[in-house]
C-alpha atoms as a PDB file:
ATOM      1  CA  MET A   1      -0.190  -0.096   0.008  1.00  0.00           C
ATOM      2  CA  ASN A   2       2.977   2.905   0.874  1.00  0.00           C
ATOM      3  CA  ARG A   3       4.652   2.141  -2.237  1.00  0.00           C
ATOM      4  CA  VAL A   4       1.157   3.077  -4.768  1.00  0.00           C
ATOM      5  CA  LEU A   5       0.691   5.877  -2.145  1.00  0.00           C
ATOM      6  CA  PHE A   6       4.323   6.723  -3.131  1.00  0.00           C
ATOM      7  CA  ILE A   7       4.350   5.860  -7.109  1.00  0.00           C
ATOM      8  CA  SER A   8       0.897   8.069  -6.682  1.00  0.00           C
ATOM      9  CA  ILE A   9       2.416  11.307  -5.143  1.00  0.00           C
ATOM     10  CA  ILE A  10       5.679  10.725  -7.545  1.00  0.00           C
ATOM     11  CA  GLY A  11       3.314  10.558 -10.583  1.00  0.00           C
ATOM     12  CA  ILE A  12       1.398  13.828  -9.289  1.00  0.00           C
ATOM     13  CA  LEU A  13       4.917  15.826  -8.436  1.00  0.00           C
ATOM     14  CA  LEU A  14       5.981  14.765 -11.762  1.00  0.00           C
ATOM     15  CA  ILE A  15       2.636  16.172 -13.641  1.00  0.00           C
ATOM     16  CA  PHE A  16       2.673  19.176 -11.414  1.00  0.00           C
ATOM     17  CA  PHE A  17       6.201  20.199 -13.082  1.00  0.00           C
ATOM     18  CA  ILE A  18       5.911  19.080 -16.708  1.00  0.00           C
ATOM     19  CA  SER A  19       2.992  21.529 -16.298  1.00  0.00           C
ATOM     20  CA  LEU A  20       5.019  24.650 -15.149  1.00  0.00           C
ATOM     21  CA  LEU A  21       7.808  23.761 -17.616  1.00  0.00           C
ATOM     22  CA  GLY A  22       5.406  23.462 -20.413  1.00  0.00           C
ATOM     23  CA  GLN A  23       3.621  26.303 -19.405  1.00  0.00           C
ATOM     24  CA  GLU A  24       2.538  28.801 -22.218  1.00  0.00           C
ATOM     25  CA  PHE A  25       2.367  32.606 -21.243  1.00  0.00           C
ATOM     26  CA  THR A  26      -0.866  34.279 -21.976  1.00  0.00           C
ATOM     27  CA  TYR A  27      -1.686  37.975 -22.882  1.00  0.00           C
ATOM     28  CA  VAL A  28      -3.704  39.572 -20.289  1.00  0.00           C
ATOM     29  CA  GLY A  29      -4.162  42.856 -21.526  1.00  0.00           C
ATOM     30  CA  ALA A  30      -2.807  46.655 -20.458  1.00  0.00           C
ATOM     31  CA  GLY A  31      -6.206  46.587 -17.976  1.00  0.00           C
ATOM     32  CA  LYS A  32      -4.283  44.153 -16.119  1.00  0.00           C
ATOM     33  CA  CYS A  33      -1.121  46.862 -15.534  1.00  0.00           C
ATOM     34  CA  LYS A  34      -2.749  49.407 -14.500  1.00  0.00           C
ATOM     35  CA  ILE A  35      -3.712  47.799 -11.359  1.00  0.00           C
ATOM     36  CA  CYS A  36      -0.056  48.223 -10.303  1.00  0.00           C
ATOM     37  CA  HIS A  37       1.939  50.089 -12.292  1.00  0.00           C
ATOM     38  CA  LYS A  38      -0.917  53.784 -12.370  1.00  0.00           C
ATOM     39  CA  THR A  39       0.922  54.565  -9.092  1.00  0.00           C
ATOM     40  CA  GLU A  40       3.326  57.206  -7.695  1.00  0.00           C
ATOM     41  CA  LYS A  41       5.030  54.324  -6.471  1.00  0.00           C
ATOM     42  CA  GLN A  42       5.200  52.751  -9.556  1.00  0.00           C
ATOM     43  CA  GLY A  43       6.092  55.658 -11.524  1.00  0.00           C
ATOM     44  CA  ARG A  44       2.874  56.270 -13.046  1.00  0.00           C
ATOM     45  CA  GLN A  45       4.040  53.924 -16.209  1.00  0.00           C
ATOM     46  CA  PHE A  46       0.231  53.361 -17.109  1.00  0.00           C
ATOM     47  CA  LEU A  47      -1.215  56.597 -17.476  1.00  0.00           C
ATOM     48  CA  LEU A  48       2.136  57.815 -18.934  1.00  0.00           C
ATOM     49  CA  TRP A  49       1.137  54.761 -21.542  1.00  0.00           C
ATOM     50  CA  GLU A  50      -2.397  55.969 -21.516  1.00  0.00           C
ATOM     51  CA  GLU A  51      -1.242  59.489 -22.987  1.00  0.00           C
ATOM     52  CA  LYS A  52       1.050  58.272 -25.460  1.00  0.00           C
ATOM     53  CA  LYS A  53       1.066  57.426 -29.521  1.00  0.00           C
ATOM     54  CA  HIS A  54       1.228  54.010 -28.565  1.00  0.00           C
ATOM     55  CA  SER A  55      -1.728  53.834 -26.430  1.00  0.00           C
ATOM     56  CA  LYS A  56      -3.236  55.432 -29.758  1.00  0.00           C
ATOM     57  CA  SER A  57      -1.944  53.100 -32.441  1.00  0.00           C
ATOM     58  CA  PHE A  58      -4.517  51.441 -33.921  1.00  0.00           C
ATOM     59  CA  ALA A  59      -6.884  54.318 -33.162  1.00  0.00           C
ATOM     60  CA  ALA A  60      -4.851  56.222 -35.663  1.00  0.00           C
ATOM     61  CA  LEU A  61      -5.588  53.310 -38.369  1.00  0.00           C
ATOM     62  CA  THR A  62      -9.217  54.200 -38.001  1.00  0.00           C
ATOM     63  CA  THR A  63      -9.271  58.332 -38.524  1.00  0.00           C
ATOM     64  CA  GLU A  64     -11.140  58.813 -41.207  1.00  0.00           C
ATOM     65  CA  GLU A  65      -8.045  60.359 -42.738  1.00  0.00           C
ATOM     66  CA  ILE A  66      -6.492  57.082 -43.071  1.00  0.00           C
ATOM     67  CA  LYS A  67      -9.401  55.058 -43.927  1.00  0.00           C
ATOM     68  CA  ALA A  68      -9.740  57.631 -47.334  1.00  0.00           C
ATOM     69  CA  LYS A  69      -6.043  56.690 -48.233  1.00  0.00           C
ATOM     70  CA  PHE A  70      -5.719  52.812 -46.856  1.00  0.00           C
ATOM     71  CA  PRO A  71      -9.473  51.492 -46.561  1.00  0.00           C
ATOM     72  CA  ASP A  72      -8.328  48.390 -44.992  1.00  0.00           C
ATOM     73  CA  ALA A  73      -6.031  49.740 -42.822  1.00  0.00           C
ATOM     74  CA  PRO A  74      -7.564  48.340 -39.815  1.00  0.00           C
ATOM     75  CA  GLU A  75      -7.391  44.612 -40.452  1.00  0.00           C
ATOM     76  CA  ASN A  76      -4.202  45.170 -42.991  1.00  0.00           C
ATOM     77  CA  PRO A  77      -1.553  42.863 -41.287  1.00  0.00           C
ATOM     78  CA  GLU A  78       1.518  45.570 -42.725  1.00  0.00           C
ATOM     79  CA  CYS A  79      -0.249  47.948 -40.507  1.00  0.00           C
ATOM     80  CA  LEU A  80      -1.648  45.885 -37.929  1.00  0.00           C
ATOM     81  CA  LYS A  81       2.183  44.398 -37.188  1.00  0.00           C
ATOM     82  CA  CYS A  82       3.052  47.603 -35.789  1.00  0.00           C
ATOM     83  CA  HIS A  83      -0.010  49.343 -35.064  1.00  0.00           C
ATOM     84  CA  ALA A  84      -1.900  46.947 -33.588  1.00  0.00           C
ATOM     85  CA  PRO A  85       1.195  43.932 -33.024  1.00  0.00           C
ATOM     86  CA  LEU A  86      -0.993  41.263 -30.707  1.00  0.00           C
ATOM     87  CA  PHE A  87      -3.807  41.057 -33.280  1.00  0.00           C
ATOM     88  CA  GLU A  88      -2.889  37.537 -34.217  1.00  0.00           C
ATOM     89  CA  LYS A  89      -1.355  35.965 -30.447  1.00  0.00           C
ATOM     90  CA  ALA A  90      -4.000  38.241 -28.637  1.00  0.00           C
ATOM     91  CA  ALA A  91      -6.629  39.918 -31.211  1.00  0.00           C
ATOM     92  CA  GLU A  92      -9.254  40.142 -28.362  1.00  0.00           C
ATOM     93  CA  PHE A  93      -6.475  43.162 -27.375  1.00  0.00           C
ATOM     94  CA  LYS A  94      -5.559  45.170 -30.864  1.00  0.00           C
ATOM     95  CA  GLU A  95      -7.549  48.330 -30.038  1.00  0.00           C
ATOM     96  CA  GLU A  96      -4.955  48.714 -27.388  1.00  0.00           C
ATOM     97  CA  GLY A  97      -2.141  49.292 -30.232  1.00  0.00           C
ATOM     98  CA  VAL A  98       1.650  49.194 -28.754  1.00  0.00           C
ATOM     99  CA  THR A  99       0.330  47.599 -25.167  1.00  0.00           C
ATOM    100  CA  CYS A 100       2.243  47.265 -22.321  1.00  0.00           C
ATOM    101  CA  GLU A 101       2.327  43.341 -23.698  1.00  0.00           C
ATOM    102  CA  VAL A 102       4.118  43.946 -26.462  1.00  0.00           C
ATOM    103  CA  CYS A 103       7.110  45.082 -24.946  1.00  0.00           C
ATOM    104  CA  HIS A 104       7.412  43.126 -21.922  1.00  0.00           C
ATOM    105  CA  GLY A 105       6.033  39.477 -23.059  1.00  0.00           C
ATOM    106  CA  PRO A 106       2.632  38.688 -21.870  1.00  0.00           C
ATOM    107  CA  GLY A 107       1.725  38.567 -18.418  1.00  0.00           C
ATOM    108  CA  SER A 108      -0.022  35.877 -17.304  1.00  0.00           C
ATOM    109  CA  VAL A 109       2.031  34.578 -14.591  1.00  0.00           C
ATOM    110  CA  TYR A 110       4.526  37.069 -13.761  1.00  0.00           C
ATOM    111  CA  LYS A 111       1.173  39.896 -13.046  1.00  0.00           C
ATOM    112  CA  LYS A 112       0.582  37.775 -10.134  1.00  0.00           C
ATOM    113  CA  LEU A 113       1.677  40.603  -7.428  1.00  0.00           C
ATOM    114  CA  SER A 114       4.315  37.584  -5.393  1.00  0.00           C
ATOM    115  CA  ILE A 115       6.249  37.453  -8.243  1.00  0.00           C
ATOM    116  CA  MET A 116       6.831  40.849  -9.374  1.00  0.00           C
ATOM    117  CA  LYS A 117       7.841  41.439  -5.865  1.00  0.00           C
ATOM    118  CA  ASN A 118      10.921  39.282  -7.021  1.00  0.00           C
ATOM    119  CA  ARG A 119      12.645  40.228 -10.433  1.00  0.00           C
ATOM    120  CA  GLU A 120      14.185  37.238 -11.219  1.00  0.00           C
ATOM    121  CA  GLU A 121      10.713  35.526 -10.860  1.00  0.00           C
ATOM    122  CA  ALA A 122       9.211  37.616 -12.744  1.00  0.00           C
ATOM    123  CA  VAL A 123      11.855  37.291 -15.525  1.00  0.00           C
ATOM    124  CA  LYS A 124      11.332  33.478 -15.632  1.00  0.00           C
ATOM    125  CA  ASN A 125       7.648  34.182 -15.763  1.00  0.00           C
ATOM    126  CA  GLY A 126       7.569  35.964 -18.604  1.00  0.00           C
ATOM    127  CA  LEU A 127       8.397  38.904 -17.768  1.00  0.00           C
ATOM    128  CA  ILE A 128      11.077  40.872 -20.662  1.00  0.00           C
ATOM    129  CA  LEU A 129      13.451  43.405 -19.463  1.00  0.00           C
ATOM    130  CA  TYR A 130      16.053  45.268 -21.209  1.00  0.00           C
ATOM    131  CA  ASP A 131      19.618  45.322 -19.778  1.00  0.00           C
ATOM    132  CA  SER A 132      20.477  48.374 -21.924  1.00  0.00           C
ATOM    133  CA  ALA A 133      19.506  51.530 -24.352  1.00  0.00           C
ATOM    134  CA  GLU A 134      20.410  49.127 -27.245  1.00  0.00           C
ATOM    135  CA  ALA A 135      18.081  46.044 -26.858  1.00  0.00           C
ATOM    136  CA  ILE A 136      15.219  49.177 -25.931  1.00  0.00           C
ATOM    137  CA  LYS A 137      16.327  50.617 -29.765  1.00  0.00           C
ATOM    138  CA  LYS A 138      16.502  47.747 -31.028  1.00  0.00           C
ATOM    139  CA  GLN A 139      12.612  46.399 -30.161  1.00  0.00           C
ATOM    140  CA  CYS A 140      11.931  49.908 -30.734  1.00  0.00           C
ATOM    141  CA  LEU A 141      13.217  49.320 -34.520  1.00  0.00           C
ATOM    142  CA  THR A 142      11.404  46.568 -35.146  1.00  0.00           C
ATOM    143  CA  CYS A 143       8.376  49.014 -36.568  1.00  0.00           C
ATOM    144  CA  HIS A 144       9.855  52.447 -36.503  1.00  0.00           C
ATOM    145  CA  ASP A 145      13.357  51.772 -38.573  1.00  0.00           C
ATOM    146  CA  MET A 146      12.078  54.614 -41.137  1.00  0.00           C
ATOM    147  CA  ALA A 147       8.230  53.546 -40.379  1.00  0.00           C
ATOM    148  CA  HIS A 148       6.275  56.036 -43.159  1.00  0.00           C
ATOM    149  CA  GLU A 149       9.583  56.805 -44.479  1.00  0.00           C
ATOM    150  CA  LYS A 150      10.656  59.220 -41.300  1.00  0.00           C
ATOM    151  CA  PRO A 151      13.578  58.508 -39.369  1.00  0.00           C
ATOM    152  CA  PHE A 152      13.968  57.307 -36.376  1.00  0.00           C
ATOM    153  CA  ASP A 153      15.730  59.467 -33.389  1.00  0.00           C
ATOM    154  CA  PHE A 154      15.958  56.693 -30.922  1.00  0.00           C
ATOM    155  CA  GLU A 155      17.039  59.171 -28.211  1.00  0.00           C
ATOM    156  CA  ALA A 156      14.242  61.561 -28.481  1.00  0.00           C
ATOM    157  CA  ALA A 157      11.646  58.820 -29.208  1.00  0.00           C
ATOM    158  CA  TRP A 158      12.868  57.968 -25.859  1.00  0.00           C
ATOM    159  CA  GLU A 159      12.885  60.546 -23.246  1.00  0.00           C
ATOM    160  CA  LYS A 160       8.949  60.729 -24.653  1.00  0.00           C
ATOM    161  CA  VAL A 161       8.316  57.090 -23.413  1.00  0.00           C
ATOM    162  CA  LYS A 162      10.444  56.031 -20.989  1.00  0.00           C
ATOM    163  CA  HIS A 163       9.078  54.598 -18.066  1.00  0.00           C
ATOM    164  CA  PRO A 164      11.207  53.534 -15.218  1.00  0.00           C
ATOM    165  CA  ILE A 165      10.038  52.429 -11.904  1.00  0.00           C
ATOM    166  CA  PRO A 166      11.143  55.637  -9.130  1.00  0.00           C
ATOM    167  CA  GLU A 167      13.979  55.015  -7.146  1.00  0.00           C
ATOM    168  CA  LYS A 168      12.952  52.611  -3.567  1.00  0.00           C
ATOM    169  CA  GLN A 169      13.736  55.722  -0.616  1.00  0.00           C
END
């Protein structure tokens, strides 16, 4: 009887650990990020994003001016890949435009406060962080490399959109 119980416990633990390793991170939307990242303590990151063009990038495709020139823009994959980068992976968040998870990865697991409090745990659970300005620039250039025939000034653009967490005191 003890042997059967032991084997059962080992089997359950094995299934649990395999499920953790095969875990697929999913997108949760900016509303989940807002819960914590709107406060002064967190640098008002959500509020900063909400004020900027990234949060309105999909809406830009739906203006009368754009629709007159490009009627299919809101559904055109060439437009959506930068104006709503999650359009294929998480279509329900398409209208959020360039949302938090476009740069920081799907938040289904790392959104938990117990995980976010530990940077290493958050990264292990899908949070994408950038270790240098050059890494951030590389991410930006996936869309901003001569977008709409306009040169990209990373330093100036970063000044407009950066959203650091304030230093702990």
